Amino acid sequence: MEHDLKDKTIGIAMTGSYCTYKKAFAAIKALSETGADLIPIFSFNAISTDSRFGTHEEFINTIEELTGKKPIATIPDAEPIGPKSMLDILVIAPCTGNTLSKLANGISDTPVLMAAKSHLRNNKPLVISLSTNDALGMNLKNIGILLNTKNIYFVPFGQDNYKTKPNSMIAHVDLLEDTIRYALKSKQIQPVIQSHEALPVSKERR
């Protein structure tokens, strides 16, 4: 599906699923190459937490290099996104289970959640690239709520390790750009659920 992105302003909101940052940054780099204007937004955890996947300074430097802008990192700075109609579309990538559950329940206590709340008031699309260990546990109901909420779209996702983490699901981040193009047309890319690894073949199916 063709949809020119070079005249679009895309919010890139990042939360604390640090293990997915490498793939997220690769997807953001690809978006930057479309000519789209990218506005970075960091959650409190993303802007301040070091992990074995990198320091918060490294994350900030990377996003600034990719977007040419300092990330929005406070609730007051995120609040004008809606009133000023700053974005054509907002992406949360990665979106942790914590952010997912708060979004589904109308909580806006981080810059990312305030950005989402403010942006949605304009009836413009919000894309979620989830990464959560409890997608098939306590967060399943929240995924259902958001899947049925107007103007919210999901990057296709699936179980990333059904053997050792049976409740865990992550997005296919390589489909982020395609998801954005569909969402700008008010369409959910399909299929939403896509496997990350081959399922075992039972004797009955052989």
N, C-alpha and C. Protein backbone atom coordinates (compact mmCIF):
# COMPACT_ATOMS: atom_id res chain seq x y z
N MET A 1 0.84 -1.18 0.00
CA MET A 1 0.00 0.00 0.00
C MET A 1 0.88 1.24 0.00
N GLU A 2 0.67 2.08 -0.97
CA GLU A 2 1.48 3.28 -1.09
C GLU A 2 0.87 4.41 -0.26
N HIS A 3 1.69 5.10 0.47
CA HIS A 3 1.27 6.30 1.19
C HIS A 3 2.53 7.08 1.48
N ASP A 4 2.67 8.25 0.83
CA ASP A 4 3.89 9.02 0.97
C ASP A 4 4.04 9.51 2.40
N LEU A 5 5.20 9.26 2.99
CA LEU A 5 5.43 9.67 4.38
C LEU A 5 6.28 10.93 4.49
N LYS A 6 6.81 11.41 3.36
CA LYS A 6 7.77 12.51 3.46
C LYS A 6 7.13 13.81 3.93
N ASP A 7 5.81 13.92 3.81
CA ASP A 7 5.14 15.12 4.29
C ASP A 7 4.44 14.90 5.62
N LYS A 8 4.74 13.78 6.29
CA LYS A 8 4.09 13.43 7.55
C LYS A 8 5.00 13.72 8.75
N THR A 9 4.35 14.09 9.85
CA THR A 9 5.05 14.25 11.12
C THR A 9 4.65 13.08 12.01
N ILE A 10 5.64 12.29 12.39
CA ILE A 10 5.40 11.05 13.13
C ILE A 10 6.02 11.15 14.52
N GLY A 11 5.21 10.96 15.54
CA GLY A 11 5.74 10.89 16.89
C GLY A 11 6.28 9.50 17.16
N ILE A 12 7.48 9.44 17.71
CA ILE A 12 8.12 8.17 18.05
C ILE A 12 8.28 8.12 19.56
N ALA A 13 7.39 7.39 20.23
CA ALA A 13 7.40 7.30 21.69
C ALA A 13 8.03 5.98 22.12
N MET A 14 8.98 6.06 23.03
CA MET A 14 9.69 4.87 23.48
C MET A 14 9.50 4.66 24.97
N THR A 15 9.21 3.41 25.35
CA THR A 15 9.10 3.04 26.75
C THR A 15 10.19 2.02 27.08
N GLY A 16 10.13 1.43 28.29
CA GLY A 16 11.29 0.74 28.82
C GLY A 16 11.55 -0.71 28.47
N SER A 17 11.19 -1.16 27.29
CA SER A 17 11.53 -2.53 26.90
C SER A 17 12.88 -2.50 26.18
N TYR A 18 13.95 -2.40 26.96
CA TYR A 18 15.28 -2.11 26.41
C TYR A 18 15.80 -3.22 25.49
N CYS A 19 15.36 -4.46 25.72
CA CYS A 19 15.83 -5.57 24.90
C CYS A 19 15.38 -5.44 23.44
N THR A 20 14.39 -4.60 23.19
CA THR A 20 13.89 -4.44 21.81
C THR A 20 14.40 -3.16 21.15
N TYR A 21 15.23 -2.40 21.85
CA TYR A 21 15.66 -1.11 21.32
C TYR A 21 16.46 -1.22 20.02
N LYS A 22 17.28 -2.25 19.91
CA LYS A 22 18.09 -2.39 18.71
C LYS A 22 17.22 -2.47 17.47
N LYS A 23 16.17 -3.31 17.53
CA LYS A 23 15.26 -3.44 16.40
C LYS A 23 14.42 -2.18 16.23
N ALA A 24 14.05 -1.55 17.35
CA ALA A 24 13.26 -0.33 17.27
C ALA A 24 14.05 0.78 16.60
N PHE A 25 15.32 0.92 16.96
CA PHE A 25 16.15 1.96 16.34
C PHE A 25 16.34 1.69 14.85
N ALA A 26 16.46 0.43 14.48
CA ALA A 26 16.58 0.10 13.05
C ALA A 26 15.32 0.51 12.29
N ALA A 27 14.15 0.28 12.90
CA ALA A 27 12.89 0.66 12.26
C ALA A 27 12.76 2.18 12.19
N ILE A 28 13.22 2.87 13.23
CA ILE A 28 13.17 4.33 13.24
C ILE A 28 14.10 4.90 12.17
N LYS A 29 15.27 4.27 12.01
CA LYS A 29 16.19 4.70 10.96
C LYS A 29 15.54 4.57 9.58
N ALA A 30 14.85 3.46 9.36
CA ALA A 30 14.16 3.27 8.09
C ALA A 30 13.08 4.33 7.89
N LEU A 31 12.38 4.68 8.95
CA LEU A 31 11.36 5.73 8.85
C LEU A 31 11.99 7.08 8.51
N SER A 32 13.14 7.36 9.11
CA SER A 32 13.81 8.63 8.84
C SER A 32 14.20 8.75 7.38
N GLU A 33 14.47 7.62 6.76
CA GLU A 33 14.88 7.62 5.36
C GLU A 33 13.72 7.85 4.39
N THR A 34 12.48 7.82 4.91
CA THR A 34 11.32 8.13 4.07
C THR A 34 11.14 9.63 3.90
N GLY A 35 11.86 10.41 4.72
CA GLY A 35 11.71 11.86 4.68
C GLY A 35 10.70 12.39 5.67
N ALA A 36 10.08 11.50 6.44
CA ALA A 36 9.12 11.93 7.45
C ALA A 36 9.83 12.73 8.55
N ASP A 37 9.09 13.67 9.14
CA ASP A 37 9.60 14.44 10.26
C ASP A 37 9.29 13.66 11.53
N LEU A 38 10.31 13.25 12.26
CA LEU A 38 10.15 12.39 13.43
C LEU A 38 10.32 13.20 14.71
N ILE A 39 9.34 13.05 15.61
CA ILE A 39 9.36 13.74 16.90
C ILE A 39 9.52 12.70 18.01
N PRO A 40 10.69 12.61 18.65
CA PRO A 40 10.89 11.57 19.68
C PRO A 40 10.27 11.96 21.03
N ILE A 41 9.75 10.95 21.72
CA ILE A 41 9.16 11.12 23.04
C ILE A 41 9.63 9.95 23.90
N PHE A 42 10.14 10.22 25.08
CA PHE A 42 10.64 9.17 25.96
C PHE A 42 9.81 9.12 27.24
N SER A 43 9.56 7.90 27.72
CA SER A 43 8.96 7.73 29.04
C SER A 43 9.99 8.09 30.10
N PHE A 44 9.54 8.21 31.34
CA PHE A 44 10.47 8.51 32.43
C PHE A 44 11.54 7.42 32.54
N ASN A 45 11.15 6.15 32.37
CA ASN A 45 12.13 5.06 32.45
C ASN A 45 13.10 5.10 31.28
N ALA A 46 12.59 5.35 30.09
CA ALA A 46 13.44 5.36 28.90
C ALA A 46 14.50 6.46 28.98
N ILE A 47 14.13 7.60 29.56
CA ILE A 47 15.04 8.74 29.59
C ILE A 47 16.08 8.65 30.70
N SER A 48 15.89 7.71 31.66
CA SER A 48 16.74 7.74 32.85
C SER A 48 17.38 6.42 33.26
N THR A 49 16.99 5.32 32.62
CA THR A 49 17.42 4.00 33.11
C THR A 49 18.53 3.39 32.26
N ASP A 50 19.57 2.90 32.93
CA ASP A 50 20.62 2.13 32.27
C ASP A 50 20.26 0.64 32.37
N SER A 51 20.67 -0.12 31.36
CA SER A 51 20.43 -1.56 31.38
C SER A 51 21.60 -2.26 30.72
N ARG A 52 21.54 -3.58 30.70
CA ARG A 52 22.62 -4.33 30.03
C ARG A 52 22.58 -4.14 28.52
N PHE A 53 21.52 -3.49 28.03
CA PHE A 53 21.40 -3.22 26.59
C PHE A 53 21.92 -1.84 26.21
N GLY A 54 22.35 -1.07 27.21
CA GLY A 54 22.89 0.25 26.95
C GLY A 54 22.52 1.24 28.04
N THR A 55 23.18 2.38 28.04
CA THR A 55 22.88 3.42 29.02
C THR A 55 21.82 4.36 28.46
N HIS A 56 21.18 5.10 29.37
CA HIS A 56 20.17 6.04 28.91
C HIS A 56 20.79 7.14 28.04
N GLU A 57 22.05 7.49 28.33
CA GLU A 57 22.73 8.48 27.49
C GLU A 57 22.90 7.96 26.06
N GLU A 58 23.22 6.68 25.93
CA GLU A 58 23.37 6.08 24.61
C GLU A 58 22.04 6.08 23.86
N PHE A 59 20.95 5.77 24.57
CA PHE A 59 19.63 5.76 23.94
C PHE A 59 19.26 7.17 23.47
N ILE A 60 19.52 8.16 24.32
CA ILE A 60 19.19 9.54 23.96
C ILE A 60 20.01 9.98 22.76
N ASN A 61 21.32 9.69 22.78
CA ASN A 61 22.18 10.07 21.66
C ASN A 61 21.73 9.43 20.36
N THR A 62 21.33 8.15 20.43
CA THR A 62 20.90 7.45 19.23
C THR A 62 19.64 8.08 18.65
N ILE A 63 18.65 8.36 19.50
CA ILE A 63 17.40 8.93 18.99
C ILE A 63 17.62 10.34 18.45
N GLU A 64 18.53 11.08 19.06
CA GLU A 64 18.82 12.42 18.56
C GLU A 64 19.51 12.36 17.20
N GLU A 65 20.38 11.37 17.01
CA GLU A 65 21.04 11.20 15.72
C GLU A 65 20.04 10.80 14.63
N LEU A 66 19.07 9.96 14.99
CA LEU A 66 18.11 9.46 14.01
C LEU A 66 17.05 10.49 13.64
N THR A 67 16.69 11.34 14.61
CA THR A 67 15.59 12.28 14.37
C THR A 67 16.04 13.73 14.23
N GLY A 68 17.25 14.03 14.72
CA GLY A 68 17.72 15.41 14.69
C GLY A 68 17.09 16.27 15.77
N LYS A 69 16.45 15.61 16.77
CA LYS A 69 15.75 16.37 17.82
C LYS A 69 15.97 15.73 19.18
N LYS A 70 15.91 16.56 20.22
CA LYS A 70 15.94 16.06 21.58
C LYS A 70 14.56 15.48 21.90
N PRO A 71 14.50 14.38 22.65
CA PRO A 71 13.20 13.78 22.96
C PRO A 71 12.38 14.61 23.93
N ILE A 72 11.08 14.65 23.71
CA ILE A 72 10.15 15.18 24.70
C ILE A 72 10.21 14.24 25.90
N ALA A 73 10.42 14.79 27.10
CA ALA A 73 10.69 13.93 28.25
C ALA A 73 9.93 14.33 29.50
N THR A 74 8.98 15.26 29.38
CA THR A 74 8.17 15.66 30.53
C THR A 74 6.70 15.68 30.14
N ILE A 75 5.84 15.54 31.12
CA ILE A 75 4.40 15.58 30.85
C ILE A 75 3.97 16.95 30.33
N PRO A 76 4.43 18.08 30.91
CA PRO A 76 4.04 19.38 30.36
C PRO A 76 4.47 19.58 28.90
N ASP A 77 5.62 19.03 28.53
CA ASP A 77 6.07 19.18 27.14
C ASP A 77 5.29 18.30 26.18
N ALA A 78 4.72 17.19 26.70
CA ALA A 78 3.94 16.29 25.85
C ALA A 78 2.51 16.75 25.69
N GLU A 79 1.99 17.48 26.65
CA GLU A 79 0.58 17.86 26.65
C GLU A 79 0.16 18.68 25.43
N PRO A 80 1.00 19.60 24.89
CA PRO A 80 0.58 20.40 23.73
C PRO A 80 0.46 19.63 22.42
N ILE A 81 0.87 18.37 22.40
CA ILE A 81 0.83 17.59 21.16
C ILE A 81 -0.56 17.60 20.56
N GLY A 82 -1.58 17.46 21.39
CA GLY A 82 -2.96 17.48 20.90
C GLY A 82 -3.45 18.85 20.53
N PRO A 83 -3.42 19.81 21.49
CA PRO A 83 -3.92 21.15 21.18
C PRO A 83 -3.25 21.81 19.98
N LYS A 84 -1.97 21.55 19.79
CA LYS A 84 -1.24 22.14 18.67
C LYS A 84 -1.29 21.26 17.42
N SER A 85 -1.94 20.10 17.53
CA SER A 85 -2.04 19.15 16.41
C SER A 85 -0.67 18.92 15.78
N MET A 86 0.29 18.53 16.61
CA MET A 86 1.68 18.44 16.20
C MET A 86 1.98 17.24 15.30
N LEU A 87 1.17 16.17 15.41
CA LEU A 87 1.51 14.92 14.74
C LEU A 87 0.42 14.46 13.78
N ASP A 88 0.83 13.79 12.72
CA ASP A 88 -0.12 13.08 11.85
C ASP A 88 -0.42 11.70 12.40
N ILE A 89 0.57 11.12 13.06
CA ILE A 89 0.42 9.78 13.63
C ILE A 89 1.44 9.64 14.75
N LEU A 90 1.06 8.88 15.78
CA LEU A 90 1.96 8.62 16.91
C LEU A 90 2.21 7.13 17.01
N VAL A 91 3.47 6.77 17.21
CA VAL A 91 3.88 5.38 17.36
C VAL A 91 4.47 5.18 18.74
N ILE A 92 4.04 4.15 19.46
CA ILE A 92 4.70 3.75 20.70
C ILE A 92 5.47 2.48 20.41
N ALA A 93 6.81 2.61 20.35
CA ALA A 93 7.65 1.48 19.95
C ALA A 93 8.99 1.55 20.67
N PRO A 94 9.21 0.67 21.64
CA PRO A 94 8.31 -0.40 22.08
C PRO A 94 7.28 0.11 23.09
N CYS A 95 6.19 -0.63 23.21
CA CYS A 95 5.15 -0.34 24.20
C CYS A 95 5.15 -1.48 25.21
N THR A 96 5.55 -1.18 26.43
CA THR A 96 5.60 -2.20 27.48
C THR A 96 4.19 -2.56 27.96
N GLY A 97 4.10 -3.65 28.71
CA GLY A 97 2.83 -4.03 29.29
C GLY A 97 2.32 -3.00 30.27
N ASN A 98 3.22 -2.34 30.99
CA ASN A 98 2.84 -1.30 31.93
C ASN A 98 2.17 -0.14 31.21
N THR A 99 2.79 0.33 30.12
CA THR A 99 2.21 1.43 29.34
C THR A 99 0.92 0.98 28.68
N LEU A 100 0.90 -0.24 28.17
CA LEU A 100 -0.30 -0.79 27.53
C LEU A 100 -1.49 -0.78 28.48
N SER A 101 -1.27 -1.26 29.71
CA SER A 101 -2.36 -1.35 30.67
C SER A 101 -2.85 0.03 31.10
N LYS A 102 -1.92 0.96 31.29
CA LYS A 102 -2.32 2.32 31.67
C LYS A 102 -3.08 3.00 30.54
N LEU A 103 -2.64 2.81 29.32
CA LEU A 103 -3.32 3.41 28.17
C LEU A 103 -4.75 2.89 28.07
N ALA A 104 -4.92 1.59 28.27
CA ALA A 104 -6.25 0.99 28.18
C ALA A 104 -7.18 1.47 29.27
N ASN A 105 -6.60 1.96 30.36
CA ASN A 105 -7.40 2.40 31.50
C ASN A 105 -7.38 3.90 31.71
N GLY A 106 -6.94 4.63 30.70
CA GLY A 106 -7.04 6.09 30.73
C GLY A 106 -6.08 6.79 31.66
N ILE A 107 -4.96 6.16 31.97
CA ILE A 107 -3.97 6.77 32.86
C ILE A 107 -2.90 7.47 32.02
N SER A 108 -2.54 8.69 32.41
CA SER A 108 -1.56 9.46 31.63
C SER A 108 -0.51 10.07 32.54
N ASP A 109 0.27 9.21 33.22
CA ASP A 109 1.24 9.69 34.20
C ASP A 109 2.69 9.63 33.73
N THR A 110 2.91 9.51 32.43
CA THR A 110 4.25 9.60 31.85
C THR A 110 4.17 10.45 30.59
N PRO A 111 5.30 10.95 30.09
CA PRO A 111 5.26 11.73 28.85
C PRO A 111 4.66 10.96 27.68
N VAL A 112 4.94 9.66 27.59
CA VAL A 112 4.42 8.86 26.49
C VAL A 112 2.90 8.74 26.58
N LEU A 113 2.39 8.46 27.78
CA LEU A 113 0.95 8.33 27.96
C LEU A 113 0.23 9.65 27.76
N MET A 114 0.83 10.74 28.22
CA MET A 114 0.23 12.05 27.98
C MET A 114 0.22 12.37 26.50
N ALA A 115 1.31 12.03 25.81
CA ALA A 115 1.36 12.24 24.36
C ALA A 115 0.24 11.48 23.66
N ALA A 116 0.04 10.22 24.07
CA ALA A 116 -1.01 9.39 23.47
C ALA A 116 -2.39 9.99 23.73
N LYS A 117 -2.66 10.35 24.99
CA LYS A 117 -3.96 10.94 25.33
C LYS A 117 -4.20 12.22 24.55
N SER A 118 -3.19 13.07 24.52
CA SER A 118 -3.31 14.36 23.84
C SER A 118 -3.50 14.19 22.34
N HIS A 119 -2.75 13.26 21.76
CA HIS A 119 -2.83 13.02 20.31
C HIS A 119 -4.19 12.45 19.91
N LEU A 120 -4.72 11.53 20.69
CA LEU A 120 -5.97 10.85 20.34
C LEU A 120 -7.17 11.79 20.34
N ARG A 121 -7.07 12.90 21.03
CA ARG A 121 -8.19 13.85 21.04
C ARG A 121 -8.45 14.42 19.65
N ASN A 122 -7.46 14.32 18.77
CA ASN A 122 -7.59 14.84 17.41
C ASN A 122 -8.10 13.79 16.42
N ASN A 123 -8.48 12.62 16.94
CA ASN A 123 -8.97 11.54 16.07
C ASN A 123 -7.96 11.15 15.00
N LYS A 124 -6.69 11.14 15.40
CA LYS A 124 -5.62 10.72 14.51
C LYS A 124 -5.05 9.39 15.00
N PRO A 125 -4.41 8.62 14.11
CA PRO A 125 -4.01 7.26 14.47
C PRO A 125 -2.86 7.16 15.46
N LEU A 126 -2.98 6.15 16.33
CA LEU A 126 -1.94 5.77 17.27
C LEU A 126 -1.57 4.32 16.98
N VAL A 127 -0.28 4.06 16.78
CA VAL A 127 0.21 2.71 16.49
C VAL A 127 0.96 2.17 17.70
N ILE A 128 0.64 0.94 18.08
CA ILE A 128 1.29 0.28 19.22
C ILE A 128 2.16 -0.87 18.73
N SER A 129 3.43 -0.83 19.12
CA SER A 129 4.36 -1.93 18.85
C SER A 129 4.68 -2.56 20.20
N LEU A 130 3.91 -3.58 20.56
CA LEU A 130 3.97 -4.07 21.94
C LEU A 130 5.17 -4.98 22.20
N SER A 131 5.54 -4.99 23.47
CA SER A 131 6.59 -5.87 23.96
C SER A 131 6.31 -6.12 25.43
N THR A 132 5.70 -7.28 25.74
CA THR A 132 5.30 -7.53 27.11
C THR A 132 5.33 -9.02 27.44
N ASN A 133 5.80 -9.34 28.64
CA ASN A 133 5.87 -10.72 29.08
C ASN A 133 4.52 -11.28 29.54
N ASP A 134 3.52 -10.40 29.67
CA ASP A 134 2.23 -10.90 30.14
C ASP A 134 1.09 -10.62 29.16
N ALA A 135 1.42 -10.63 27.87
CA ALA A 135 0.40 -10.38 26.84
C ALA A 135 -0.73 -11.41 26.90
N LEU A 136 -0.39 -12.66 27.19
CA LEU A 136 -1.40 -13.71 27.28
C LEU A 136 -1.78 -13.99 28.72
N GLY A 137 -1.40 -13.07 29.62
CA GLY A 137 -1.77 -13.16 31.02
C GLY A 137 -2.67 -12.00 31.39
N MET A 138 -2.23 -11.22 32.38
CA MET A 138 -3.07 -10.14 32.89
C MET A 138 -3.31 -9.04 31.87
N ASN A 139 -2.44 -8.91 30.87
CA ASN A 139 -2.59 -7.83 29.90
C ASN A 139 -3.44 -8.20 28.69
N LEU A 140 -3.88 -9.45 28.60
CA LEU A 140 -4.66 -9.85 27.44
C LEU A 140 -5.94 -9.02 27.32
N LYS A 141 -6.59 -8.74 28.45
CA LYS A 141 -7.82 -7.95 28.41
C LYS A 141 -7.55 -6.53 27.93
N ASN A 142 -6.36 -5.99 28.27
CA ASN A 142 -6.02 -4.64 27.83
C ASN A 142 -5.72 -4.58 26.35
N ILE A 143 -5.10 -5.63 25.82
CA ILE A 143 -4.89 -5.72 24.38
C ILE A 143 -6.24 -5.73 23.68
N GLY A 144 -7.18 -6.50 24.23
CA GLY A 144 -8.52 -6.56 23.65
C GLY A 144 -9.20 -5.21 23.66
N ILE A 145 -9.07 -4.49 24.76
CA ILE A 145 -9.66 -3.14 24.84
C ILE A 145 -9.10 -2.24 23.76
N LEU A 146 -7.77 -2.24 23.62
CA LEU A 146 -7.13 -1.33 22.67
C LEU A 146 -7.37 -1.75 21.22
N LEU A 147 -7.46 -3.05 20.96
CA LEU A 147 -7.78 -3.52 19.62
C LEU A 147 -9.16 -3.04 19.17
N ASN A 148 -10.02 -2.77 20.15
CA ASN A 148 -11.38 -2.34 19.85
C ASN A 148 -11.60 -0.86 20.14
N THR A 149 -10.51 -0.10 20.23
CA THR A 149 -10.60 1.34 20.46
C THR A 149 -10.33 2.09 19.16
N LYS A 150 -11.19 3.02 18.86
CA LYS A 150 -11.07 3.79 17.62
C LYS A 150 -9.73 4.50 17.54
N ASN A 151 -9.14 4.46 16.35
CA ASN A 151 -7.89 5.16 16.01
C ASN A 151 -6.64 4.52 16.60
N ILE A 152 -6.78 3.33 17.21
CA ILE A 152 -5.60 2.61 17.71
C ILE A 152 -5.34 1.38 16.85
N TYR A 153 -4.09 1.23 16.42
CA TYR A 153 -3.70 0.14 15.53
C TYR A 153 -2.47 -0.54 16.10
N PHE A 154 -2.33 -1.84 15.79
CA PHE A 154 -1.22 -2.63 16.30
C PHE A 154 -0.28 -3.07 15.19
N VAL A 155 1.02 -2.96 15.46
CA VAL A 155 2.00 -3.66 14.64
C VAL A 155 1.76 -5.15 14.88
N PRO A 156 1.69 -5.97 13.83
CA PRO A 156 1.46 -7.41 14.05
C PRO A 156 2.42 -7.98 15.09
N PHE A 157 1.91 -8.86 15.93
CA PHE A 157 2.70 -9.39 17.03
C PHE A 157 2.45 -10.88 17.21
N GLY A 158 3.35 -11.53 17.96
CA GLY A 158 3.21 -12.96 18.21
C GLY A 158 4.07 -13.38 19.39
N GLN A 159 3.92 -14.63 19.79
CA GLN A 159 4.72 -15.17 20.89
C GLN A 159 6.19 -15.25 20.45
N ASP A 160 7.07 -14.70 21.25
CA ASP A 160 8.48 -14.70 20.90
C ASP A 160 9.22 -15.91 21.44
N ASN A 161 8.67 -16.55 22.49
CA ASN A 161 9.31 -17.76 23.01
C ASN A 161 8.26 -18.54 23.80
N TYR A 162 7.44 -19.29 23.07
CA TYR A 162 6.31 -19.97 23.71
C TYR A 162 6.74 -21.12 24.63
N LYS A 163 7.98 -21.56 24.50
CA LYS A 163 8.44 -22.67 25.34
C LYS A 163 8.80 -22.23 26.74
N THR A 164 9.54 -21.14 26.86
CA THR A 164 9.98 -20.70 28.19
C THR A 164 9.23 -19.47 28.69
N LYS A 165 8.59 -18.73 27.77
CA LYS A 165 7.80 -17.54 28.17
C LYS A 165 6.45 -17.60 27.45
N PRO A 166 5.58 -18.51 27.84
CA PRO A 166 4.35 -18.74 27.09
C PRO A 166 3.39 -17.56 27.06
N ASN A 167 3.52 -16.60 27.98
CA ASN A 167 2.63 -15.43 27.98
C ASN A 167 3.21 -14.23 27.25
N SER A 168 4.46 -14.35 26.82
CA SER A 168 5.17 -13.22 26.22
C SER A 168 4.84 -13.05 24.74
N MET A 169 4.64 -11.79 24.33
CA MET A 169 4.43 -11.49 22.92
C MET A 169 5.15 -10.19 22.58
N ILE A 170 5.72 -10.14 21.39
CA ILE A 170 6.37 -8.92 20.91
C ILE A 170 5.95 -8.66 19.47
N ALA A 171 6.08 -7.40 19.09
CA ALA A 171 5.68 -6.99 17.75
C ALA A 171 6.75 -7.37 16.72
N HIS A 172 6.31 -7.54 15.47
CA HIS A 172 7.22 -7.68 14.35
C HIS A 172 7.61 -6.26 13.92
N VAL A 173 8.68 -5.75 14.52
CA VAL A 173 9.04 -4.35 14.33
C VAL A 173 9.37 -4.04 12.88
N ASP A 174 9.78 -5.07 12.12
CA ASP A 174 10.07 -4.84 10.71
C ASP A 174 8.82 -4.46 9.92
N LEU A 175 7.64 -4.64 10.52
CA LEU A 175 6.38 -4.27 9.87
C LEU A 175 5.87 -2.91 10.33
N LEU A 176 6.69 -2.17 11.08
CA LEU A 176 6.25 -0.88 11.61
C LEU A 176 5.87 0.10 10.51
N GLU A 177 6.73 0.25 9.51
CA GLU A 177 6.43 1.21 8.45
C GLU A 177 5.16 0.83 7.70
N ASP A 178 4.98 -0.44 7.39
CA ASP A 178 3.77 -0.88 6.72
C ASP A 178 2.53 -0.61 7.58
N THR A 179 2.66 -0.85 8.88
CA THR A 179 1.55 -0.61 9.79
C THR A 179 1.17 0.87 9.79
N ILE A 180 2.17 1.73 9.79
CA ILE A 180 1.92 3.18 9.75
C ILE A 180 1.17 3.56 8.48
N ARG A 181 1.60 3.01 7.36
CA ARG A 181 0.96 3.35 6.09
C ARG A 181 -0.52 2.92 6.09
N TYR A 182 -0.80 1.76 6.64
CA TYR A 182 -2.19 1.31 6.76
C TYR A 182 -2.96 2.19 7.72
N ALA A 183 -2.37 2.49 8.88
CA ALA A 183 -3.07 3.27 9.90
C ALA A 183 -3.43 4.66 9.39
N LEU A 184 -2.58 5.23 8.56
CA LEU A 184 -2.88 6.54 7.98
C LEU A 184 -4.08 6.48 7.03
N LYS A 185 -4.42 5.28 6.61
CA LYS A 185 -5.62 5.05 5.81
C LYS A 185 -6.78 4.52 6.67
N SER A 186 -6.59 4.60 8.00
CA SER A 186 -7.59 4.11 8.95
C SER A 186 -7.85 2.62 8.80
N LYS A 187 -6.78 1.86 8.54
CA LYS A 187 -6.89 0.43 8.38
C LYS A 187 -5.88 -0.29 9.27
N GLN A 188 -6.29 -1.42 9.83
CA GLN A 188 -5.41 -2.29 10.60
C GLN A 188 -4.75 -3.29 9.67
N ILE A 189 -3.42 -3.29 9.64
CA ILE A 189 -2.71 -4.27 8.82
C ILE A 189 -3.04 -5.67 9.33
N GLN A 190 -3.16 -6.61 8.43
CA GLN A 190 -3.53 -7.98 8.76
C GLN A 190 -2.51 -8.97 8.21
N PRO A 191 -2.36 -10.15 8.81
CA PRO A 191 -2.98 -10.54 10.08
C PRO A 191 -2.30 -9.87 11.27
N VAL A 192 -3.08 -9.64 12.32
CA VAL A 192 -2.53 -9.00 13.51
C VAL A 192 -1.63 -9.95 14.28
N ILE A 193 -2.02 -11.22 14.36
CA ILE A 193 -1.23 -12.22 15.08
C ILE A 193 -0.38 -13.00 14.08
N GLN A 194 0.93 -12.93 14.25
CA GLN A 194 1.86 -13.62 13.36
C GLN A 194 2.94 -14.29 14.20
N SER A 195 3.22 -15.54 13.90
CA SER A 195 4.18 -16.30 14.68
C SER A 195 5.60 -15.77 14.48
N HIS A 196 6.39 -15.84 15.55
CA HIS A 196 7.80 -15.47 15.48
C HIS A 196 8.69 -16.68 15.19
N GLU A 197 8.18 -17.86 15.45
CA GLU A 197 8.97 -19.07 15.21
C GLU A 197 8.03 -20.19 14.83
N ALA A 198 8.59 -21.18 14.14
CA ALA A 198 7.76 -22.29 13.66
C ALA A 198 7.22 -23.10 14.82
N LEU A 199 5.96 -23.44 14.76
CA LEU A 199 5.34 -24.27 15.77
C LEU A 199 5.69 -25.74 15.52
N PRO A 200 5.77 -26.55 16.58
CA PRO A 200 6.07 -27.97 16.38
C PRO A 200 4.93 -28.66 15.63
N VAL A 201 5.27 -29.58 14.78
CA VAL A 201 4.27 -30.30 14.00
C VAL A 201 3.89 -31.57 14.75
N SER A 202 2.63 -31.73 15.11
CA SER A 202 2.18 -32.90 15.84
C SER A 202 2.12 -34.10 14.88
N LYS A 203 2.10 -35.31 15.46
CA LYS A 203 2.00 -36.52 14.64
C LYS A 203 0.73 -36.51 13.82
N GLU A 204 -0.35 -35.97 14.40
CA GLU A 204 -1.62 -35.95 13.69
C GLU A 204 -1.59 -35.07 12.45
N ARG A 205 -0.69 -34.05 12.46
CA ARG A 205 -0.65 -33.08 11.36
C ARG A 205 0.38 -33.48 10.30
N ARG A 206 1.19 -34.47 10.58
CA ARG A 206 2.24 -34.84 9.62
C ARG A 206 1.67 -35.58 8.43
